Amino acid sequence: MTYKGEWLAVARQEIKRLRKLLKLAPIVVLAVLPLWAQSSGTTYTLNKPFYCDAASMYPVTSLSEFTCRINYPISPAGYYPNFLDASGNKVDLYWWESLPRLYVVTENWTVTNATFQVTNFTTQTVAINWSGTDSTGNPHNGTVKAIWTSRQVCGGRYCWYHPVLEPGSTIDVVQ
């Protein structure tokens, strides 16, 4: 057999193998789809602005200036803004970037000292992936996607800039 003939024989075998794999593709997609759907979890959305701790006398520009202590532990409705799901269930966030520390608090469980990674930071958005275990050892993970602004608040003799988490910011929880 010539070199050209050998190459054609190998190419034909590879084409046959790929055709068999393509026939299996719909089965693989159907098998993976339930796993993909399961990972969607619950989305909690902030419905009103939340002012994080005062950062400086100048506009907030750095992630290290964020200290957002939202409702830790969960307080009665209306005391602090909560992130709410479609059924009105609450989840809250305690995020101190300079330590770094992140707590995710629900009415049923709390993850303290979650490990987290900031995946995106701009002058308008911040995204965080987090994971941790609650006090009973159950694992939880998810994402925080926040829309934020730097707002000046004046009182007394000084004016301070605060990072403000804006409505539409979300916490996704996968349990």
N, C-alpha and C. Protein backbone atom coordinates (compact mmCIF):
# COMPACT_ATOMS: atom_id res chain seq x y z
N MET A 1 0.85 -1.18 0.00
CA MET A 1 0.00 0.00 0.00
C MET A 1 0.89 1.24 0.00
N THR A 2 0.51 2.23 -0.74
CA THR A 2 1.29 3.46 -0.83
C THR A 2 0.97 4.36 0.36
N TYR A 3 1.82 5.37 0.54
CA TYR A 3 1.61 6.34 1.63
C TYR A 3 0.24 6.99 1.52
N LYS A 4 -0.15 7.35 0.28
CA LYS A 4 -1.46 7.99 0.04
C LYS A 4 -2.58 7.02 0.40
N GLY A 5 -2.43 5.76 0.04
CA GLY A 5 -3.44 4.76 0.36
C GLY A 5 -3.57 4.54 1.85
N GLU A 6 -2.44 4.53 2.58
CA GLU A 6 -2.48 4.37 4.04
C GLU A 6 -3.19 5.55 4.68
N TRP A 7 -2.87 6.72 4.22
CA TRP A 7 -3.48 7.92 4.78
C TRP A 7 -4.99 7.92 4.57
N LEU A 8 -5.45 7.52 3.38
CA LEU A 8 -6.88 7.46 3.09
C LEU A 8 -7.58 6.42 3.96
N ALA A 9 -6.95 5.30 4.20
CA ALA A 9 -7.54 4.25 5.04
C ALA A 9 -7.71 4.76 6.48
N VAL A 10 -6.70 5.42 7.00
CA VAL A 10 -6.78 5.98 8.37
C VAL A 10 -7.86 7.05 8.43
N ALA A 11 -7.94 7.90 7.44
CA ALA A 11 -8.94 8.97 7.40
C ALA A 11 -10.35 8.39 7.38
N ARG A 12 -10.56 7.33 6.61
CA ARG A 12 -11.89 6.70 6.55
C ARG A 12 -12.27 6.11 7.90
N GLN A 13 -11.31 5.46 8.58
CA GLN A 13 -11.59 4.90 9.91
C GLN A 13 -11.95 6.01 10.90
N GLU A 14 -11.25 7.11 10.82
CA GLU A 14 -11.52 8.23 11.73
C GLU A 14 -12.91 8.82 11.46
N ILE A 15 -13.29 8.92 10.21
CA ILE A 15 -14.62 9.42 9.86
C ILE A 15 -15.70 8.50 10.40
N LYS A 16 -15.51 7.20 10.30
CA LYS A 16 -16.49 6.24 10.84
C LYS A 16 -16.60 6.40 12.35
N ARG A 17 -15.46 6.58 13.04
CA ARG A 17 -15.46 6.75 14.50
C ARG A 17 -16.21 8.03 14.90
N LEU A 18 -15.97 9.10 14.17
CA LEU A 18 -16.63 10.36 14.47
C LEU A 18 -18.14 10.28 14.23
N ARG A 19 -18.57 9.58 13.21
CA ARG A 19 -20.01 9.42 12.94
C ARG A 19 -20.69 8.68 14.10
N LYS A 20 -20.02 7.65 14.64
CA LYS A 20 -20.58 6.93 15.79
C LYS A 20 -20.72 7.86 17.00
N LEU A 21 -19.69 8.69 17.22
CA LEU A 21 -19.74 9.63 18.34
C LEU A 21 -20.86 10.65 18.17
N LEU A 22 -21.07 11.13 16.96
CA LEU A 22 -22.14 12.09 16.70
C LEU A 22 -23.52 11.50 16.97
N LYS A 23 -23.68 10.20 16.74
CA LYS A 23 -24.96 9.55 17.04
C LYS A 23 -25.21 9.53 18.54
N LEU A 24 -24.15 9.51 19.35
CA LEU A 24 -24.29 9.49 20.81
C LEU A 24 -24.49 10.88 21.41
N ALA A 25 -24.19 11.93 20.67
CA ALA A 25 -24.25 13.29 21.20
C ALA A 25 -25.60 13.65 21.81
N PRO A 26 -26.75 13.37 21.16
CA PRO A 26 -28.03 13.71 21.78
C PRO A 26 -28.25 12.98 23.10
N ILE A 27 -27.78 11.75 23.23
CA ILE A 27 -27.93 11.00 24.47
C ILE A 27 -27.11 11.64 25.58
N VAL A 28 -25.89 12.07 25.25
CA VAL A 28 -25.03 12.72 26.24
C VAL A 28 -25.66 14.03 26.71
N VAL A 29 -26.19 14.82 25.79
CA VAL A 29 -26.83 16.08 26.15
C VAL A 29 -28.01 15.83 27.08
N LEU A 30 -28.84 14.86 26.78
CA LEU A 30 -29.99 14.55 27.63
C LEU A 30 -29.55 14.07 29.00
N ALA A 31 -28.44 13.36 29.08
CA ALA A 31 -27.95 12.86 30.37
C ALA A 31 -27.38 13.99 31.22
N VAL A 32 -26.74 14.98 30.61
CA VAL A 32 -26.11 16.07 31.34
C VAL A 32 -27.11 17.18 31.68
N LEU A 33 -28.16 17.33 30.92
CA LEU A 33 -29.13 18.40 31.12
C LEU A 33 -29.68 18.48 32.54
N PRO A 34 -30.10 17.36 33.17
CA PRO A 34 -30.59 17.48 34.54
C PRO A 34 -29.53 18.01 35.51
N LEU A 35 -28.26 17.67 35.31
CA LEU A 35 -27.19 18.18 36.18
C LEU A 35 -27.03 19.68 35.99
N TRP A 36 -27.13 20.14 34.75
CA TRP A 36 -27.01 21.56 34.46
C TRP A 36 -28.19 22.31 35.08
N ALA A 37 -29.38 21.81 34.95
CA ALA A 37 -30.57 22.46 35.50
C ALA A 37 -30.49 22.50 37.02
N GLN A 38 -29.95 21.46 37.63
CA GLN A 38 -29.87 21.39 39.09
C GLN A 38 -28.95 22.49 39.64
N SER A 39 -27.93 22.87 38.91
CA SER A 39 -26.97 23.82 39.42
C SER A 39 -27.48 25.26 39.42
N SER A 40 -28.68 25.50 38.92
CA SER A 40 -29.17 26.87 38.85
C SER A 40 -29.46 27.44 40.23
N GLY A 41 -29.89 26.63 41.20
CA GLY A 41 -30.09 27.12 42.56
C GLY A 41 -31.19 28.14 42.68
N THR A 42 -31.05 28.99 43.70
CA THR A 42 -32.04 30.03 43.98
C THR A 42 -31.37 31.39 43.84
N THR A 43 -32.05 32.32 43.19
CA THR A 43 -31.54 33.67 43.04
C THR A 43 -32.29 34.60 43.98
N TYR A 44 -31.52 35.35 44.76
CA TYR A 44 -32.05 36.35 45.67
C TYR A 44 -31.65 37.72 45.14
N THR A 45 -32.59 38.67 45.12
CA THR A 45 -32.35 39.97 44.50
C THR A 45 -32.54 41.09 45.51
N LEU A 46 -31.64 42.05 45.49
CA LEU A 46 -31.73 43.22 46.36
C LEU A 46 -32.76 44.17 45.76
N ASN A 47 -33.73 44.61 46.56
CA ASN A 47 -34.81 45.44 46.00
C ASN A 47 -34.69 46.92 46.32
N LYS A 48 -33.71 47.31 47.15
CA LYS A 48 -33.48 48.73 47.41
C LYS A 48 -31.99 48.94 47.70
N PRO A 49 -31.48 50.14 47.53
CA PRO A 49 -30.05 50.37 47.71
C PRO A 49 -29.60 50.04 49.13
N PHE A 50 -28.37 49.53 49.24
CA PHE A 50 -27.78 49.32 50.55
C PHE A 50 -26.43 50.03 50.61
N TYR A 51 -26.28 50.94 51.59
CA TYR A 51 -25.06 51.68 51.77
C TYR A 51 -24.10 50.86 52.63
N CYS A 52 -22.97 50.49 52.03
CA CYS A 52 -21.93 49.81 52.78
C CYS A 52 -21.25 50.83 53.69
N ASP A 53 -20.34 50.38 54.54
CA ASP A 53 -19.65 51.28 55.46
C ASP A 53 -18.93 52.39 54.70
N ALA A 54 -18.82 53.55 55.35
CA ALA A 54 -18.11 54.68 54.75
C ALA A 54 -16.69 54.25 54.43
N ALA A 55 -16.20 54.65 53.25
CA ALA A 55 -14.88 54.20 52.80
C ALA A 55 -13.82 55.29 52.94
N SER A 56 -14.12 56.48 52.45
CA SER A 56 -13.13 57.56 52.51
C SER A 56 -13.80 58.88 52.17
N MET A 57 -13.00 59.93 52.19
CA MET A 57 -13.50 61.25 51.83
C MET A 57 -13.45 61.47 50.33
N TYR A 58 -12.99 60.44 49.59
CA TYR A 58 -12.88 60.51 48.14
C TYR A 58 -13.72 59.39 47.53
N PRO A 59 -14.14 59.53 46.28
CA PRO A 59 -14.96 58.48 45.66
C PRO A 59 -14.30 57.10 45.75
N VAL A 60 -15.12 56.10 45.92
CA VAL A 60 -14.66 54.72 46.02
C VAL A 60 -14.19 54.24 44.65
N THR A 61 -12.98 53.71 44.59
CA THR A 61 -12.44 53.24 43.32
C THR A 61 -11.83 51.84 43.44
N SER A 62 -11.66 51.36 44.66
CA SER A 62 -10.95 50.10 44.88
C SER A 62 -11.81 49.10 45.63
N LEU A 63 -11.62 47.85 45.29
CA LEU A 63 -12.33 46.77 45.97
C LEU A 63 -11.98 46.72 47.46
N SER A 64 -10.77 47.11 47.82
CA SER A 64 -10.36 47.06 49.22
C SER A 64 -11.14 48.03 50.10
N GLU A 65 -11.89 48.94 49.51
CA GLU A 65 -12.69 49.90 50.27
C GLU A 65 -14.08 49.37 50.64
N PHE A 66 -14.40 48.14 50.24
CA PHE A 66 -15.72 47.57 50.50
C PHE A 66 -15.78 46.89 51.86
N THR A 67 -16.72 47.33 52.69
CA THR A 67 -17.13 46.61 53.89
C THR A 67 -18.64 46.70 53.91
N CYS A 68 -19.29 45.61 53.54
CA CYS A 68 -20.75 45.58 53.44
C CYS A 68 -21.30 44.62 54.49
N ARG A 69 -21.77 45.19 55.57
CA ARG A 69 -22.33 44.37 56.65
C ARG A 69 -23.84 44.45 56.56
N ILE A 70 -24.40 43.54 55.85
CA ILE A 70 -25.84 43.55 55.65
C ILE A 70 -26.49 42.59 56.61
N ASN A 71 -27.19 43.14 57.58
CA ASN A 71 -28.14 42.36 58.35
C ASN A 71 -27.59 41.07 58.92
N TYR A 72 -26.48 41.15 59.66
CA TYR A 72 -25.92 39.94 60.25
C TYR A 72 -26.05 40.01 61.74
N PRO A 73 -26.75 39.14 62.44
CA PRO A 73 -27.59 38.09 61.86
C PRO A 73 -28.88 38.67 61.28
N ILE A 74 -29.68 37.83 60.66
CA ILE A 74 -30.91 38.30 59.99
C ILE A 74 -31.80 39.00 61.01
N SER A 75 -32.20 40.21 60.65
CA SER A 75 -33.06 41.02 61.51
C SER A 75 -34.48 41.01 60.96
N PRO A 76 -35.43 41.51 61.74
CA PRO A 76 -36.81 41.56 61.26
C PRO A 76 -36.92 42.33 59.94
N ALA A 77 -37.90 41.95 59.15
CA ALA A 77 -38.11 42.59 57.84
C ALA A 77 -38.20 44.10 58.01
N GLY A 78 -37.56 44.81 57.14
CA GLY A 78 -37.61 46.26 57.16
C GLY A 78 -36.48 46.90 57.95
N TYR A 79 -35.78 46.16 58.81
CA TYR A 79 -34.70 46.74 59.59
C TYR A 79 -33.50 47.04 58.71
N TYR A 80 -33.15 46.12 57.86
CA TYR A 80 -32.14 46.30 56.83
C TYR A 80 -32.71 45.73 55.55
N PRO A 81 -32.19 46.17 54.41
CA PRO A 81 -32.66 45.52 53.19
C PRO A 81 -32.13 44.10 53.11
N ASN A 82 -32.91 43.22 52.59
CA ASN A 82 -32.52 41.83 52.38
C ASN A 82 -32.52 41.53 50.90
N PHE A 83 -31.75 40.53 50.52
CA PHE A 83 -31.87 39.95 49.20
C PHE A 83 -33.03 38.96 49.32
N LEU A 84 -34.01 39.02 48.42
CA LEU A 84 -35.21 38.19 48.51
C LEU A 84 -35.34 37.31 47.27
N ASP A 85 -35.85 36.08 47.47
CA ASP A 85 -36.16 35.25 46.31
C ASP A 85 -37.61 35.49 45.91
N ALA A 86 -38.10 34.76 44.93
CA ALA A 86 -39.46 34.98 44.41
C ALA A 86 -40.53 34.72 45.46
N SER A 87 -40.23 33.90 46.47
CA SER A 87 -41.21 33.59 47.52
C SER A 87 -41.08 34.49 48.74
N GLY A 88 -40.14 35.42 48.72
CA GLY A 88 -39.96 36.32 49.85
C GLY A 88 -38.97 35.81 50.88
N ASN A 89 -38.32 34.66 50.64
CA ASN A 89 -37.30 34.16 51.56
C ASN A 89 -36.07 35.06 51.48
N LYS A 90 -35.39 35.21 52.61
CA LYS A 90 -34.28 36.15 52.69
C LYS A 90 -32.92 35.46 52.69
N VAL A 91 -31.94 36.15 52.16
CA VAL A 91 -30.53 35.79 52.34
C VAL A 91 -29.79 37.11 52.49
N ASP A 92 -28.78 37.11 53.34
CA ASP A 92 -28.01 38.32 53.56
C ASP A 92 -26.52 38.04 53.43
N LEU A 93 -25.78 39.11 53.33
CA LEU A 93 -24.37 39.04 53.01
C LEU A 93 -23.60 39.91 53.98
N TYR A 94 -22.51 39.38 54.50
CA TYR A 94 -21.56 40.15 55.30
C TYR A 94 -20.25 40.01 54.57
N TRP A 95 -19.77 41.09 53.98
CA TRP A 95 -18.60 41.04 53.13
C TRP A 95 -17.61 42.10 53.55
N TRP A 96 -16.45 41.67 53.99
CA TRP A 96 -15.41 42.58 54.42
C TRP A 96 -14.18 42.27 53.60
N GLU A 97 -13.97 43.01 52.54
CA GLU A 97 -12.91 42.71 51.57
C GLU A 97 -11.53 42.83 52.18
N SER A 98 -11.30 43.79 53.05
CA SER A 98 -9.95 44.02 53.56
C SER A 98 -9.48 42.94 54.52
N LEU A 99 -10.38 42.11 55.08
CA LEU A 99 -9.92 41.07 56.03
C LEU A 99 -9.35 39.82 55.37
N PRO A 100 -9.73 39.22 54.37
CA PRO A 100 -11.04 39.18 53.69
C PRO A 100 -11.99 38.20 54.39
N ARG A 101 -13.24 38.53 54.40
CA ARG A 101 -14.24 37.70 55.07
C ARG A 101 -15.56 37.81 54.32
N LEU A 102 -16.27 36.69 54.17
CA LEU A 102 -17.57 36.68 53.53
C LEU A 102 -18.46 35.69 54.27
N TYR A 103 -19.60 36.17 54.74
CA TYR A 103 -20.62 35.32 55.36
C TYR A 103 -21.85 35.36 54.48
N VAL A 104 -22.53 34.24 54.32
CA VAL A 104 -23.81 34.19 53.64
C VAL A 104 -24.80 33.64 54.67
N VAL A 105 -25.86 34.40 54.93
CA VAL A 105 -26.78 34.09 56.02
C VAL A 105 -28.19 33.92 55.48
N THR A 106 -28.83 32.79 55.79
CA THR A 106 -30.24 32.60 55.46
C THR A 106 -30.99 32.34 56.76
N GLU A 107 -32.30 32.18 56.64
CA GLU A 107 -33.09 31.88 57.83
C GLU A 107 -32.88 30.45 58.31
N ASN A 108 -32.31 29.58 57.45
CA ASN A 108 -32.12 28.17 57.80
C ASN A 108 -30.67 27.78 58.05
N TRP A 109 -29.72 28.51 57.51
CA TRP A 109 -28.31 28.17 57.68
C TRP A 109 -27.45 29.41 57.48
N THR A 110 -26.21 29.32 57.98
CA THR A 110 -25.24 30.40 57.84
C THR A 110 -23.89 29.80 57.46
N VAL A 111 -23.27 30.37 56.44
CA VAL A 111 -21.90 30.01 56.08
C VAL A 111 -21.01 31.16 56.56
N THR A 112 -20.15 30.87 57.52
CA THR A 112 -19.21 31.89 57.99
C THR A 112 -17.84 31.59 57.40
N ASN A 113 -17.11 32.66 57.17
CA ASN A 113 -15.77 32.54 56.59
C ASN A 113 -15.74 31.72 55.32
N ALA A 114 -16.66 32.00 54.43
CA ALA A 114 -16.70 31.32 53.13
C ALA A 114 -15.42 31.65 52.35
N THR A 115 -14.95 30.70 51.59
CA THR A 115 -13.86 31.03 50.67
C THR A 115 -14.50 31.72 49.48
N PHE A 116 -13.82 32.73 48.97
CA PHE A 116 -14.40 33.45 47.84
C PHE A 116 -13.32 33.98 46.93
N GLN A 117 -13.72 34.21 45.68
CA GLN A 117 -12.82 34.76 44.68
C GLN A 117 -13.58 35.82 43.90
N VAL A 118 -13.02 37.00 43.84
CA VAL A 118 -13.61 38.06 43.03
C VAL A 118 -13.24 37.77 41.58
N THR A 119 -14.26 37.57 40.75
CA THR A 119 -14.03 37.21 39.35
C THR A 119 -14.13 38.40 38.41
N ASN A 120 -14.70 39.51 38.91
CA ASN A 120 -14.82 40.70 38.07
C ASN A 120 -14.99 41.91 38.98
N PHE A 121 -14.28 42.99 38.69
CA PHE A 121 -14.47 44.24 39.41
C PHE A 121 -14.29 45.39 38.44
N THR A 122 -15.32 46.22 38.33
CA THR A 122 -15.25 47.44 37.52
C THR A 122 -15.80 48.56 38.37
N THR A 123 -15.85 49.76 37.81
CA THR A 123 -16.40 50.89 38.56
C THR A 123 -17.92 50.84 38.68
N GLN A 124 -18.55 49.77 38.15
CA GLN A 124 -20.00 49.64 38.26
C GLN A 124 -20.46 48.26 38.71
N THR A 125 -19.60 47.26 38.60
CA THR A 125 -20.03 45.90 38.95
C THR A 125 -18.93 45.17 39.71
N VAL A 126 -19.37 44.17 40.47
CA VAL A 126 -18.43 43.26 41.11
C VAL A 126 -19.08 41.88 41.09
N ALA A 127 -18.30 40.85 40.81
CA ALA A 127 -18.79 39.47 40.79
C ALA A 127 -17.88 38.62 41.67
N ILE A 128 -18.51 37.75 42.47
CA ILE A 128 -17.78 36.92 43.42
C ILE A 128 -18.31 35.50 43.35
N ASN A 129 -17.42 34.52 43.31
CA ASN A 129 -17.79 33.11 43.50
C ASN A 129 -17.44 32.76 44.94
N TRP A 130 -18.33 32.06 45.63
CA TRP A 130 -18.08 31.71 47.03
C TRP A 130 -18.48 30.26 47.30
N SER A 131 -17.90 29.69 48.36
CA SER A 131 -18.28 28.35 48.80
C SER A 131 -17.91 28.21 50.26
N GLY A 132 -18.63 27.32 50.95
CA GLY A 132 -18.35 27.06 52.35
C GLY A 132 -19.33 26.05 52.91
N THR A 133 -19.16 25.75 54.18
CA THR A 133 -20.07 24.81 54.85
C THR A 133 -20.76 25.51 56.00
N ASP A 134 -22.00 25.10 56.27
CA ASP A 134 -22.73 25.66 57.40
C ASP A 134 -22.32 24.94 58.68
N SER A 135 -22.96 25.31 59.81
CA SER A 135 -22.57 24.76 61.11
C SER A 135 -22.83 23.26 61.23
N THR A 136 -23.70 22.71 60.37
CA THR A 136 -23.95 21.26 60.42
C THR A 136 -23.12 20.50 59.39
N GLY A 137 -22.23 21.20 58.68
CA GLY A 137 -21.33 20.54 57.74
C GLY A 137 -21.87 20.42 56.32
N ASN A 138 -23.04 21.01 56.03
CA ASN A 138 -23.59 20.95 54.68
C ASN A 138 -22.90 21.97 53.78
N PRO A 139 -22.49 21.54 52.58
CA PRO A 139 -21.81 22.47 51.68
C PRO A 139 -22.80 23.40 50.96
N HIS A 140 -22.37 24.61 50.73
CA HIS A 140 -23.15 25.60 49.97
C HIS A 140 -22.16 26.37 49.09
N ASN A 141 -22.64 26.85 47.95
CA ASN A 141 -21.80 27.69 47.09
C ASN A 141 -22.70 28.55 46.23
N GLY A 142 -22.10 29.50 45.56
CA GLY A 142 -22.88 30.36 44.68
C GLY A 142 -22.08 31.54 44.18
N THR A 143 -22.81 32.56 43.76
CA THR A 143 -22.19 33.77 43.23
C THR A 143 -22.89 35.01 43.78
N VAL A 144 -22.17 36.08 43.82
CA VAL A 144 -22.72 37.40 44.11
C VAL A 144 -22.43 38.25 42.88
N LYS A 145 -23.46 38.89 42.36
CA LYS A 145 -23.29 39.80 41.23
C LYS A 145 -23.90 41.12 41.65
N ALA A 146 -23.04 42.09 41.95
CA ALA A 146 -23.51 43.36 42.49
C ALA A 146 -23.30 44.49 41.51
N ILE A 147 -24.31 45.33 41.45
CA ILE A 147 -24.23 46.61 40.75
C ILE A 147 -23.93 47.62 41.86
N TRP A 148 -22.92 48.45 41.71
CA TRP A 148 -22.60 49.37 42.79
C TRP A 148 -22.25 50.75 42.26
N THR A 149 -22.40 51.73 43.14
CA THR A 149 -22.01 53.10 42.85
C THR A 149 -21.27 53.64 44.07
N SER A 150 -20.59 54.75 43.90
CA SER A 150 -19.94 55.45 45.00
C SER A 150 -20.77 56.70 45.27
N ARG A 151 -21.32 56.80 46.49
CA ARG A 151 -22.18 57.95 46.81
C ARG A 151 -21.64 58.69 48.02
N GLN A 152 -21.74 60.01 47.94
CA GLN A 152 -21.29 60.85 49.04
C GLN A 152 -22.43 61.10 50.02
N VAL A 153 -22.11 60.94 51.32
CA VAL A 153 -23.09 61.20 52.38
C VAL A 153 -22.44 62.23 53.32
N CYS A 154 -23.14 63.33 53.54
CA CYS A 154 -22.61 64.39 54.39
C CYS A 154 -23.42 64.46 55.68
N GLY A 155 -22.73 64.68 56.77
CA GLY A 155 -23.37 64.83 58.06
C GLY A 155 -22.38 65.39 59.05
N GLY A 156 -22.83 66.29 59.90
CA GLY A 156 -21.89 66.90 60.83
C GLY A 156 -20.89 67.75 60.08
N ARG A 157 -19.62 67.51 60.33
CA ARG A 157 -18.57 68.33 59.72
C ARG A 157 -17.94 67.68 58.49
N TYR A 158 -18.27 66.43 58.20
CA TYR A 158 -17.56 65.71 57.14
C TYR A 158 -18.52 65.09 56.12
N CYS A 159 -17.96 64.83 54.97
CA CYS A 159 -18.66 64.07 53.94
C CYS A 159 -17.83 62.82 53.64
N TRP A 160 -18.51 61.68 53.53
CA TRP A 160 -17.84 60.41 53.27
C TRP A 160 -18.47 59.73 52.07
N TYR A 161 -17.65 59.02 51.33
CA TYR A 161 -18.14 58.21 50.22
C TYR A 161 -18.35 56.77 50.68
N HIS A 162 -19.46 56.22 50.25
CA HIS A 162 -19.83 54.83 50.56
C HIS A 162 -19.97 54.05 49.26
N PRO A 163 -19.50 52.79 49.23
CA PRO A 163 -19.93 51.93 48.12
C PRO A 163 -21.39 51.57 48.39
N VAL A 164 -22.23 51.67 47.39
CA VAL A 164 -23.66 51.39 47.54
C VAL A 164 -24.04 50.24 46.62
N LEU A 165 -24.57 49.16 47.19
CA LEU A 165 -25.09 48.06 46.39
C LEU A 165 -26.46 48.48 45.89
N GLU A 166 -26.66 48.41 44.60
CA GLU A 166 -27.88 48.92 43.98
C GLU A 166 -28.92 47.83 43.76
N PRO A 167 -30.21 48.22 43.66
CA PRO A 167 -31.26 47.24 43.36
C PRO A 167 -30.92 46.48 42.08
N GLY A 168 -31.25 45.21 42.07
CA GLY A 168 -30.92 44.36 40.95
C GLY A 168 -29.69 43.51 41.22
N SER A 169 -28.93 43.86 42.27
CA SER A 169 -27.80 43.02 42.67
C SER A 169 -28.35 41.67 43.13
N THR A 170 -27.60 40.59 42.88
CA THR A 170 -28.13 39.26 43.18
C THR A 170 -27.12 38.40 43.94
N ILE A 171 -27.68 37.45 44.70
CA ILE A 171 -26.91 36.37 45.29
C ILE A 171 -27.54 35.08 44.79
N ASP A 172 -26.76 34.24 44.11
CA ASP A 172 -27.23 32.93 43.68
C ASP A 172 -26.68 31.91 44.66
N VAL A 173 -27.57 31.03 45.14
CA VAL A 173 -27.18 30.00 46.09
C VAL A 173 -27.48 28.64 45.49
N VAL A 174 -26.44 27.80 45.43
CA VAL A 174 -26.59 26.41 45.02
C VAL A 174 -26.31 25.58 46.26
N GLN A 175 -27.25 24.71 46.62
CA GLN A 175 -27.06 23.94 47.85
C GLN A 175 -26.77 22.50 47.56
